[in-house]
Amino acid sequence: MDNSRPDPDITVLLAGWREGDTQAREALMQQVYVNVRAIAARSLRAMPAATLNATDLAHEALLRLLGSDIGWADRHHFFSVAAQATRQVLIDAARKRLANKRGGQVPHVALDEAGQIASPENDERLLHVDAALGGLAVANPRRAQMIEMAYFGGLNRAEIAAALAVSETTVDRDLRLARAWLKTALAP
């Protein structure tokens, strides 16, 4: 999937669906599934210990995308929502596995470990990263979105720049600042 160039099909199909074209809706769903599956696969490649597979993650994320009343505006909105859905599926799976466990102190976790912690023994750390990312979203929504796209959406800096319509230099700077902010938030 090459997100560095505009994908007019998503935007055109979204417009057709909004106008009541059922064929546009079906074509959009097929394209969305392909994109969500690719996002899930890239996200899981960064998480070798994950307990979900890419198909399960994509199906669950797609169900969330389609199960809500999302008025997707364009491809940028699509990639943002898909990354959020993927993140939420991973977080919910961690919460579910921890539901029967007793609480305790939340362990320290470095941001660099975030992509490798989706496993039953590391669920608490994943939830800690999620809470810190929520704090970043309050402080700086765009930077939080970039972290989400990079770590949970599996997008590279060029793809993030294209999706957010900013320069790669801006992505580099914002990711660097976001990582520093999260490092502080994740410190013990």
Protein backbone atom coordinates (compact mmCIF):
# COMPACT_ATOMS: atom_id res chain seq x y z
CA MET A 1 0.00 0.00 0.00
CA ASP A 2 1.58 3.27 -1.05
CA ASN A 3 0.19 6.11 1.04
CA SER A 4 2.77 8.61 -0.15
CA ARG A 5 0.59 9.53 -3.10
CA PRO A 6 -3.05 10.61 -2.91
CA ASP A 7 -5.61 7.83 -3.13
CA PRO A 8 -8.56 9.45 -4.90
CA ASP A 9 -10.57 6.24 -4.83
CA ILE A 10 -11.30 6.47 -1.11
CA THR A 11 -12.43 10.08 -1.33
CA VAL A 12 -14.48 9.47 -4.50
CA LEU A 13 -16.09 6.34 -3.06
CA LEU A 14 -16.91 8.15 0.20
CA ALA A 15 -18.64 10.89 -1.79
CA GLY A 16 -20.59 8.33 -3.81
CA TRP A 17 -21.68 6.47 -0.69
CA ARG A 18 -22.86 9.71 0.93
CA GLU A 19 -24.98 10.32 -2.19
CA GLY A 20 -26.62 6.90 -1.79
CA ASP A 21 -24.62 4.86 -4.32
CA THR A 22 -24.66 1.28 -2.94
CA GLN A 23 -22.03 0.12 -5.45
CA ALA A 24 -19.70 2.85 -4.17
CA ARG A 25 -20.35 1.58 -0.63
CA GLU A 26 -19.45 -1.99 -1.58
CA ALA A 27 -16.32 -0.91 -3.46
CA LEU A 28 -15.34 1.27 -0.51
CA MET A 29 -15.77 -1.62 1.92
CA GLN A 30 -13.51 -3.83 -0.21
CA GLN A 31 -10.85 -1.14 -0.43
CA VAL A 32 -11.17 -0.29 3.27
CA TYR A 33 -10.70 -3.95 4.21
CA VAL A 34 -7.54 -4.19 2.11
CA ASN A 35 -6.17 -1.03 3.73
CA VAL A 36 -7.16 -2.02 7.28
CA ARG A 37 -5.62 -5.48 6.78
CA ALA A 38 -2.38 -3.87 5.60
CA ILE A 39 -2.38 -1.50 8.60
CA ALA A 40 -3.00 -4.44 10.94
CA ALA A 41 -0.21 -6.50 9.38
CA ARG A 42 2.29 -3.63 9.66
CA SER A 43 1.22 -2.90 13.22
CA LEU A 44 1.66 -6.55 14.23
CA ARG A 45 5.06 -6.84 12.53
CA ALA A 46 6.27 -4.36 15.12
CA MET A 47 4.74 -6.53 17.87
CA PRO A 48 6.20 -10.03 17.51
CA ALA A 49 4.68 -11.19 20.81
CA ALA A 50 1.13 -10.10 19.95
CA THR A 51 -1.63 -12.59 20.65
CA LEU A 52 -3.81 -11.44 17.74
CA ASN A 53 -3.08 -12.16 14.11
CA ALA A 54 -3.43 -9.58 11.34
CA THR A 55 -6.70 -11.01 10.04
CA ASP A 56 -8.33 -11.00 13.48
CA LEU A 57 -7.05 -7.51 14.19
CA ALA A 58 -8.25 -6.25 10.80
CA HIS A 59 -11.69 -7.84 11.20
CA GLU A 60 -12.17 -6.38 14.66
CA ALA A 61 -10.92 -2.94 13.62
CA LEU A 62 -13.13 -2.99 10.51
CA LEU A 63 -16.17 -3.98 12.58
CA ARG A 64 -15.48 -1.00 14.81
CA LEU A 65 -15.06 1.29 11.82
CA LEU A 66 -18.26 0.13 10.19
CA GLY A 67 -20.22 -0.33 13.42
CA SER A 68 -20.04 3.33 14.29
CA ASP A 69 -21.55 6.27 12.47
CA ILE A 70 -18.32 7.58 11.00
CA GLY A 71 -18.67 10.26 8.38
CA TRP A 72 -15.29 9.76 6.75
CA ALA A 73 -14.34 12.96 5.01
CA ASP A 74 -11.24 11.89 3.09
CA ARG A 75 -8.25 9.55 3.09
CA HIS A 76 -6.59 11.49 5.94
CA HIS A 77 -9.63 10.88 8.11
CA PHE A 78 -9.69 7.23 7.06
CA PHE A 79 -6.06 6.59 8.08
CA SER A 80 -6.56 8.42 11.38
CA VAL A 81 -9.67 6.44 12.27
CA ALA A 82 -8.12 3.13 11.15
CA ALA A 83 -5.05 3.70 13.34
CA GLN A 84 -7.30 4.61 16.28
CA ALA A 85 -9.43 1.51 15.76
CA THR A 86 -6.34 -0.72 15.56
CA ARG A 87 -4.97 0.82 18.75
CA GLN A 88 -8.29 0.39 20.53
CA VAL A 89 -8.57 -3.28 19.54
CA LEU A 90 -5.10 -3.95 20.98
CA ILE A 91 -5.92 -2.00 24.17
CA ASP A 92 -9.27 -3.74 24.63
CA ALA A 93 -7.64 -7.15 24.16
CA ALA A 94 -5.10 -6.26 26.85
CA ARG A 95 -7.83 -5.04 29.21
CA LYS A 96 -9.83 -8.21 28.66
CA ARG A 97 -6.84 -10.42 29.46
CA LEU A 98 -6.20 -8.40 32.62
CA ALA A 99 -9.82 -8.38 33.77
CA ASN A 100 -9.33 -11.34 36.12
CA LYS A 101 -5.91 -10.31 37.36
CA ARG A 102 -5.30 -8.32 40.49
CA GLY A 103 -4.07 -4.74 40.18
CA GLY A 104 -0.81 -3.31 41.36
CA GLN A 105 1.73 -0.71 40.52
CA VAL A 106 1.90 0.10 36.82
CA PRO A 107 5.44 -0.71 35.70
CA HIS A 108 7.71 1.74 33.91
CA VAL A 109 7.81 1.34 30.14
CA ALA A 110 9.84 3.16 27.54
CA LEU A 111 8.06 4.35 24.40
CA ASP A 112 10.45 2.33 22.23
CA GLU A 113 9.04 -0.80 23.88
CA ALA A 114 5.45 0.14 23.01
CA GLY A 115 5.48 -1.73 19.72
CA GLN A 116 6.68 -4.95 21.36
CA ILE A 117 4.45 -5.21 24.40
CA ALA A 118 1.16 -6.62 23.11
CA SER A 119 1.32 -9.92 24.94
CA PRO A 120 -0.51 -11.23 28.02
CA GLU A 121 2.48 -10.71 30.30
CA ASN A 122 2.87 -7.12 29.13
CA ASP A 123 -0.77 -5.97 29.05
CA GLU A 124 -0.34 -3.61 32.00
CA ARG A 125 2.51 -1.84 30.24
CA LEU A 126 0.41 -1.48 27.08
CA LEU A 127 -2.35 0.14 29.12
CA HIS A 128 0.21 2.50 30.68
CA VAL A 129 1.35 3.55 27.18
CA ASP A 130 -2.29 4.04 26.17
CA ALA A 131 -2.94 6.30 29.16
CA ALA A 132 0.17 8.35 28.39
CA LEU A 133 -0.88 8.66 24.75
CA GLY A 134 -4.27 9.90 25.93
CA GLY A 135 -2.48 12.61 27.91
CA LEU A 136 -0.47 13.59 24.86
CA ALA A 137 -3.69 13.82 22.85
CA VAL A 138 -4.94 16.44 25.30
CA ALA A 139 -1.65 18.37 25.19
CA ASN A 140 -1.06 18.12 21.43
CA PRO A 141 -3.58 16.18 19.32
CA ARG A 142 -1.54 16.20 16.08
CA ARG A 143 1.54 14.75 17.77
CA ALA A 144 -0.57 12.08 19.45
CA GLN A 145 -2.09 11.26 16.08
CA MET A 146 1.37 10.93 14.54
CA ILE A 147 2.50 8.54 17.30
CA GLU A 148 -0.70 6.56 16.85
CA MET A 149 -0.21 6.35 13.08
CA ALA A 150 3.44 5.32 13.45
CA TYR A 151 3.14 2.77 16.28
CA PHE A 152 -0.41 1.46 15.93
CA GLY A 153 -1.04 2.19 12.26
CA GLY A 154 2.38 1.08 11.05
CA LEU A 155 2.80 4.11 8.78
CA ASN A 156 6.25 5.46 7.98
CA ARG A 157 7.11 9.16 8.08
CA ALA A 158 6.33 9.73 4.38
CA GLU A 159 2.93 8.06 4.76
CA ILE A 160 2.16 10.10 7.88
CA ALA A 161 3.17 13.30 6.08
CA ALA A 162 0.90 12.46 3.15
CA ALA A 163 -2.02 11.46 5.37
CA LEU A 164 -1.78 14.65 7.46
CA ALA A 165 -0.80 16.94 4.57
CA VAL A 166 2.38 18.15 6.32
CA SER A 167 6.04 17.94 5.39
CA GLU A 168 8.25 15.03 6.40
CA THR A 169 10.35 17.54 8.34
CA THR A 170 7.26 18.44 10.37
CA VAL A 171 6.59 14.75 10.99
CA ASP A 172 10.20 14.21 12.13
CA ARG A 173 10.05 17.20 14.48
CA ASP A 174 6.62 16.36 15.90
CA LEU A 175 7.50 12.68 16.41
CA ARG A 176 10.72 13.66 18.17
CA LEU A 177 8.84 16.08 20.47
CA ALA A 178 6.03 13.58 21.05
CA ARG A 179 8.51 10.85 22.00
CA ALA A 180 10.19 13.21 24.45
CA TRP A 181 6.83 14.14 25.96
CA LEU A 182 5.82 10.48 26.27
CA LYS A 183 9.21 9.52 27.71
CA THR A 184 8.58 12.00 30.51
CA ALA A 185 5.01 10.77 30.99
CA LEU A 186 6.15 7.13 31.11
CA ALA A 187 8.97 7.79 33.57
CA PRO A 188 8.53 6.05 36.93
